[in-house]
């Protein structure tokens, strides 16, 4: 038997759309379930995932999403330009929320609660935080601190890093 260092996973969450929030949250939750030390670093629009005023109402847009298709007709792509039609973001967001709920997948705030409760570490990016004029009261309570990229690099030492 070989001595192995404990596993560590660092996820960089850089996008705040509903469809881009779930990959990092699901991977983080799965890693914690496997006993892996897990850190999530929220930067740029990914900071919306932990900003109280926005994290419960993330949107999904078809605009610019060339892979968009309806679940009822997976082989028929939906033209991305349809996303420019007024009201389409709301329709697409509601459709995605229903699909997520139908699978019994928790909401973004509930996923953050699960990750925090399981010992996951949540970090906000200092530069983005300052750029957006936020303060700690604006952030989800489970965010441990606002840190610089340099601090995150130190935390990520020896970790598997995934950028989303």
C-alpha atoms as a PDB file:
ATOM      1  CA  UNK A   1       0.000   0.000   0.000  1.00  0.00           C
ATOM      2  CA  UNK A   2       1.388   3.424  -0.938  1.00  0.00           C
ATOM      3  CA  UNK A   3       1.108   6.596   1.074  1.00  0.00           C
ATOM      4  CA  UNK A   4      -1.065   9.003  -0.851  1.00  0.00           C
ATOM      5  CA  UNK A   5      -1.737  12.611   0.039  1.00  0.00           C
ATOM      6  CA  UNK A   6      -5.401  13.351   0.651  1.00  0.00           C
ATOM      7  CA  UNK A   7      -7.194  14.425  -2.517  1.00  0.00           C
ATOM      8  CA  UNK A   8      -8.097  18.056  -3.017  1.00  0.00           C
ATOM      9  CA  UNK A   9     -10.350  19.636  -5.648  1.00  0.00           C
ATOM     10  CA  UNK A  10     -10.522  23.338  -6.491  1.00  0.00           C
ATOM     11  CA  UNK A  11     -13.307  24.590  -8.734  1.00  0.00           C
ATOM     12  CA  UNK A  12     -13.141  28.035 -10.313  1.00  0.00           C
ATOM     13  CA  UNK A  13     -16.707  29.179 -10.973  1.00  0.00           C
ATOM     14  CA  UNK A  14     -16.597  32.052 -13.473  1.00  0.00           C
ATOM     15  CA  UNK A  15     -20.094  32.138 -14.938  1.00  0.00           C
ATOM     16  CA  UNK A  16     -23.361  33.112 -13.289  1.00  0.00           C
ATOM     17  CA  UNK A  17     -25.931  31.655 -15.681  1.00  0.00           C
ATOM     18  CA  UNK A  18     -28.245  28.987 -14.302  1.00  0.00           C
ATOM     19  CA  UNK A  19     -26.836  26.339 -16.654  1.00  0.00           C
ATOM     20  CA  UNK A  20     -23.250  27.206 -15.717  1.00  0.00           C
ATOM     21  CA  UNK A  21     -23.881  27.277 -11.958  1.00  0.00           C
ATOM     22  CA  UNK A  22     -24.771  23.614 -11.675  1.00  0.00           C
ATOM     23  CA  UNK A  23     -21.599  21.962 -13.034  1.00  0.00           C
ATOM     24  CA  UNK A  24     -19.404  23.430 -10.275  1.00  0.00           C
ATOM     25  CA  UNK A  25     -21.975  22.877  -7.538  1.00  0.00           C
ATOM     26  CA  UNK A  26     -22.645  19.287  -8.565  1.00  0.00           C
ATOM     27  CA  UNK A  27     -18.936  18.463  -8.895  1.00  0.00           C
ATOM     28  CA  UNK A  28     -18.212  20.106  -5.536  1.00  0.00           C
ATOM     29  CA  UNK A  29     -21.015  18.224  -3.844  1.00  0.00           C
ATOM     30  CA  UNK A  30     -19.916  14.928  -5.420  1.00  0.00           C
ATOM     31  CA  UNK A  31     -16.301  15.466  -4.344  1.00  0.00           C
ATOM     32  CA  UNK A  32     -17.364  16.155  -0.766  1.00  0.00           C
ATOM     33  CA  UNK A  33     -19.430  12.969  -0.839  1.00  0.00           C
ATOM     34  CA  UNK A  34     -16.229  11.101  -1.713  1.00  0.00           C
ATOM     35  CA  UNK A  35     -14.364  12.701   1.192  1.00  0.00           C
ATOM     36  CA  UNK A  36     -12.313  15.019  -1.033  1.00  0.00           C
ATOM     37  CA  UNK A  37     -11.262  18.402   0.345  1.00  0.00           C
ATOM     38  CA  UNK A  38     -13.193  20.849  -1.836  1.00  0.00           C
ATOM     39  CA  UNK A  39     -12.789  24.567  -2.539  1.00  0.00           C
ATOM     40  CA  UNK A  40     -14.965  26.697  -4.825  1.00  0.00           C
ATOM     41  CA  UNK A  41     -13.622  30.080  -5.972  1.00  0.00           C
ATOM     42  CA  UNK A  42     -16.279  32.423  -7.391  1.00  0.00           C
ATOM     43  CA  UNK A  43     -14.948  35.017  -9.807  1.00  0.00           C
ATOM     44  CA  UNK A  44     -16.412  37.434 -12.353  1.00  0.00           C
ATOM     45  CA  UNK A  45     -20.057  36.561 -13.075  1.00  0.00           C
ATOM     46  CA  UNK A  46     -19.651  33.360 -11.083  1.00  0.00           C
ATOM     47  CA  UNK A  47     -19.811  35.609  -8.024  1.00  0.00           C
ATOM     48  CA  UNK A  48     -23.568  35.884  -8.752  1.00  0.00           C
ATOM     49  CA  UNK A  49     -23.807  32.280  -7.529  1.00  0.00           C
ATOM     50  CA  UNK A  50     -23.017  33.445  -3.988  1.00  0.00           C
ATOM     51  CA  UNK A  51     -24.490  36.960  -4.063  1.00  0.00           C
ATOM     52  CA  UNK A  52     -27.712  36.905  -2.019  1.00  0.00           C
ATOM     53  CA  UNK A  53     -29.539  39.352  -4.300  1.00  0.00           C
ATOM     54  CA  UNK A  54     -28.974  37.109  -7.344  1.00  0.00           C
ATOM     55  CA  UNK A  55     -28.234  33.503  -6.409  1.00  0.00           C
ATOM     56  CA  UNK A  56     -31.887  32.467  -6.150  1.00  0.00           C
ATOM     57  CA  UNK A  57     -32.787  33.944  -9.535  1.00  0.00           C
ATOM     58  CA  UNK A  58     -30.019  32.978 -11.960  1.00  0.00           C
ATOM     59  CA  UNK A  59     -31.109  33.012 -15.589  1.00  0.00           C
ATOM     60  CA  UNK A  60     -30.645  30.755 -18.597  1.00  0.00           C
ATOM     61  CA  UNK A  61     -30.427  32.282 -22.051  1.00  0.00           C
ATOM     62  CA  UNK A  62     -30.558  30.673 -25.448  1.00  0.00           C
ATOM     63  CA  UNK A  63     -28.783  33.623 -27.028  1.00  0.00           C
ATOM     64  CA  UNK A  64     -25.378  32.515 -28.249  1.00  0.00           C
ATOM     65  CA  UNK A  65     -25.929  28.919 -27.104  1.00  0.00           C
ATOM     66  CA  UNK A  66     -25.272  26.961 -30.292  1.00  0.00           C
ATOM     67  CA  UNK A  67     -25.918  23.644 -28.544  1.00  0.00           C
ATOM     68  CA  UNK A  68     -29.457  24.596 -27.460  1.00  0.00           C
ATOM     69  CA  UNK A  69     -32.153  22.033 -28.235  1.00  0.00           C
ATOM     70  CA  UNK A  70     -35.482  21.089 -26.753  1.00  0.00           C
ATOM     71  CA  UNK A  71     -35.541  17.926 -24.640  1.00  0.00           C
ATOM     72  CA  UNK A  72     -38.617  16.832 -26.563  1.00  0.00           C
ATOM     73  CA  UNK A  73     -36.678  17.054 -29.860  1.00  0.00           C
ATOM     74  CA  UNK A  74     -32.977  16.603 -29.053  1.00  0.00           C
ATOM     75  CA  UNK A  75     -31.925  16.245 -32.687  1.00  0.00           C
ATOM     76  CA  UNK A  76     -33.578  19.520 -33.716  1.00  0.00           C
ATOM     77  CA  UNK A  77     -31.412  22.472 -32.655  1.00  0.00           C
ATOM     78  CA  UNK A  78     -33.097  25.694 -31.637  1.00  0.00           C
ATOM     79  CA  UNK A  79     -31.701  28.700 -33.507  1.00  0.00           C
ATOM     80  CA  UNK A  80     -29.689  30.767 -31.021  1.00  0.00           C
ATOM     81  CA  UNK A  81     -31.185  33.916 -32.515  1.00  0.00           C
ATOM     82  CA  UNK A  82     -34.527  32.953 -30.945  1.00  0.00           C
ATOM     83  CA  UNK A  83     -32.970  33.994 -27.645  1.00  0.00           C
ATOM     84  CA  UNK A  84     -33.206  37.624 -28.798  1.00  0.00           C
ATOM     85  CA  UNK A  85     -37.003  37.472 -28.866  1.00  0.00           C
ATOM     86  CA  UNK A  86     -38.426  39.356 -25.858  1.00  0.00           C
ATOM     87  CA  UNK A  87     -39.446  36.948 -23.108  1.00  0.00           C
ATOM     88  CA  UNK A  88     -37.384  33.998 -24.364  1.00  0.00           C
ATOM     89  CA  UNK A  89     -34.883  34.165 -21.488  1.00  0.00           C
ATOM     90  CA  UNK A  90     -37.765  33.934 -19.007  1.00  0.00           C
ATOM     91  CA  UNK A  91     -39.323  31.025 -20.908  1.00  0.00           C
ATOM     92  CA  UNK A  92     -35.989  29.171 -21.222  1.00  0.00           C
ATOM     93  CA  UNK A  93     -35.153  29.814 -17.552  1.00  0.00           C
ATOM     94  CA  UNK A  94     -38.533  28.534 -16.365  1.00  0.00           C
ATOM     95  CA  UNK A  95     -38.211  25.467 -18.592  1.00  0.00           C
ATOM     96  CA  UNK A  96     -34.765  24.668 -17.184  1.00  0.00           C
ATOM     97  CA  UNK A  97     -35.915  25.243 -13.584  1.00  0.00           C
ATOM     98  CA  UNK A  98     -38.810  22.818 -14.121  1.00  0.00           C
ATOM     99  CA  UNK A  99     -36.475  20.170 -15.566  1.00  0.00           C
ATOM    100  CA  UNK A 100     -34.078  20.576 -12.635  1.00  0.00           C
ATOM    101  CA  UNK A 101     -36.932  20.387 -10.119  1.00  0.00           C
ATOM    102  CA  UNK A 102     -38.388  17.315 -11.872  1.00  0.00           C
ATOM    103  CA  UNK A 103     -35.060  15.560 -11.252  1.00  0.00           C
ATOM    104  CA  UNK A 104     -35.202  16.529  -7.549  1.00  0.00           C
ATOM    105  CA  UNK A 105     -31.980  18.512  -7.931  1.00  0.00           C
ATOM    106  CA  UNK A 106     -31.731  21.205  -5.261  1.00  0.00           C
ATOM    107  CA  UNK A 107     -31.813  24.897  -6.122  1.00  0.00           C
ATOM    108  CA  UNK A 108     -28.554  26.882  -6.206  1.00  0.00           C
ATOM    109  CA  UNK A 109     -29.035  28.195  -2.624  1.00  0.00           C
ATOM    110  CA  UNK A 110     -29.852  24.659  -1.425  1.00  0.00           C
ATOM    111  CA  UNK A 111     -26.749  23.277  -3.154  1.00  0.00           C
ATOM    112  CA  UNK A 112     -24.633  25.939  -1.432  1.00  0.00           C
ATOM    113  CA  UNK A 113     -26.177  24.907   1.899  1.00  0.00           C
ATOM    114  CA  UNK A 114     -25.292  21.259   1.218  1.00  0.00           C
ATOM    115  CA  UNK A 115     -21.727  22.105   0.233  1.00  0.00           C
ATOM    116  CA  UNK A 116     -21.224  24.286   3.315  1.00  0.00           C
ATOM    117  CA  UNK A 117     -22.762  21.682   5.623  1.00  0.00           C
ATOM    118  CA  UNK A 118     -20.471  19.006   4.169  1.00  0.00           C
ATOM    119  CA  UNK A 119     -17.351  21.073   4.882  1.00  0.00           C
ATOM    120  CA  UNK A 120     -16.796  22.589   1.455  1.00  0.00           C
ATOM    121  CA  UNK A 121     -14.923  25.886   1.305  1.00  0.00           C
ATOM    122  CA  UNK A 122     -16.444  28.823  -0.566  1.00  0.00           C
ATOM    123  CA  UNK A 123     -14.257  31.780  -1.559  1.00  0.00           C
ATOM    124  CA  UNK A 124     -15.107  35.051  -3.320  1.00  0.00           C
ATOM    125  CA  UNK A 125     -12.650  36.725  -5.684  1.00  0.00           C
ATOM    126  CA  UNK A 126     -11.259  39.973  -4.259  1.00  0.00           C
ATOM    127  CA  UNK A 127     -10.929  41.778  -7.605  1.00  0.00           C
ATOM    128  CA  UNK A 128     -14.486  40.951  -8.709  1.00  0.00           C
ATOM    129  CA  UNK A 129     -15.883  41.712  -5.252  1.00  0.00           C
ATOM    130  CA  UNK A 130     -14.247  45.156  -5.329  1.00  0.00           C
ATOM    131  CA  UNK A 131     -15.229  45.769  -8.963  1.00  0.00           C
ATOM    132  CA  UNK A 132     -18.885  45.118  -8.146  1.00  0.00           C
ATOM    133  CA  UNK A 133     -18.773  47.236  -4.969  1.00  0.00           C
ATOM    134  CA  UNK A 134     -19.969  44.390  -2.756  1.00  0.00           C
ATOM    135  CA  UNK A 135     -19.553  43.867   0.976  1.00  0.00           C
ATOM    136  CA  UNK A 136     -19.594  40.651   3.028  1.00  0.00           C
ATOM    137  CA  UNK A 137     -23.261  41.149   3.948  1.00  0.00           C
ATOM    138  CA  UNK A 138     -24.087  40.823   0.221  1.00  0.00           C
ATOM    139  CA  UNK A 139     -22.657  37.303   0.072  1.00  0.00           C
ATOM    140  CA  UNK A 140     -24.087  33.929   0.992  1.00  0.00           C
ATOM    141  CA  UNK A 141     -23.270  33.285   4.656  1.00  0.00           C
ATOM    142  CA  UNK A 142     -21.191  30.200   3.842  1.00  0.00           C
ATOM    143  CA  UNK A 143     -18.588  32.223   1.929  1.00  0.00           C
ATOM    144  CA  UNK A 144     -15.554  32.032   4.197  1.00  0.00           C
ATOM    145  CA  UNK A 145     -13.733  35.072   2.898  1.00  0.00           C
ATOM    146  CA  UNK A 146     -12.930  37.305  -0.033  1.00  0.00           C
ATOM    147  CA  UNK A 147      -9.464  36.368  -1.262  1.00  0.00           C
ATOM    148  CA  UNK A 148      -7.036  37.372  -3.990  1.00  0.00           C
ATOM    149  CA  UNK A 149      -6.006  35.178  -6.891  1.00  0.00           C
ATOM    150  CA  UNK A 150      -2.648  34.759  -5.163  1.00  0.00           C
ATOM    151  CA  UNK A 151      -4.373  33.462  -2.024  1.00  0.00           C
ATOM    152  CA  UNK A 152      -6.395  31.028  -4.109  1.00  0.00           C
ATOM    153  CA  UNK A 153      -3.267  29.758  -5.845  1.00  0.00           C
ATOM    154  CA  UNK A 154      -1.833  28.966  -2.411  1.00  0.00           C
ATOM    155  CA  UNK A 155      -5.034  27.163  -1.384  1.00  0.00           C
ATOM    156  CA  UNK A 156      -5.012  25.220  -4.677  1.00  0.00           C
ATOM    157  CA  UNK A 157      -1.466  23.924  -4.184  1.00  0.00           C
ATOM    158  CA  UNK A 158      -1.498  20.203  -4.953  1.00  0.00           C
ATOM    159  CA  UNK A 159      -5.180  20.197  -5.965  1.00  0.00           C
ATOM    160  CA  UNK A 160      -6.942  19.099  -9.088  1.00  0.00           C
ATOM    161  CA  UNK A 161      -8.218  22.384 -10.587  1.00  0.00           C
ATOM    162  CA  UNK A 162     -11.300  22.686 -12.771  1.00  0.00           C
ATOM    163  CA  UNK A 163     -12.255  25.967 -14.442  1.00  0.00           C
ATOM    164  CA  UNK A 164     -15.926  26.423 -15.245  1.00  0.00           C
END
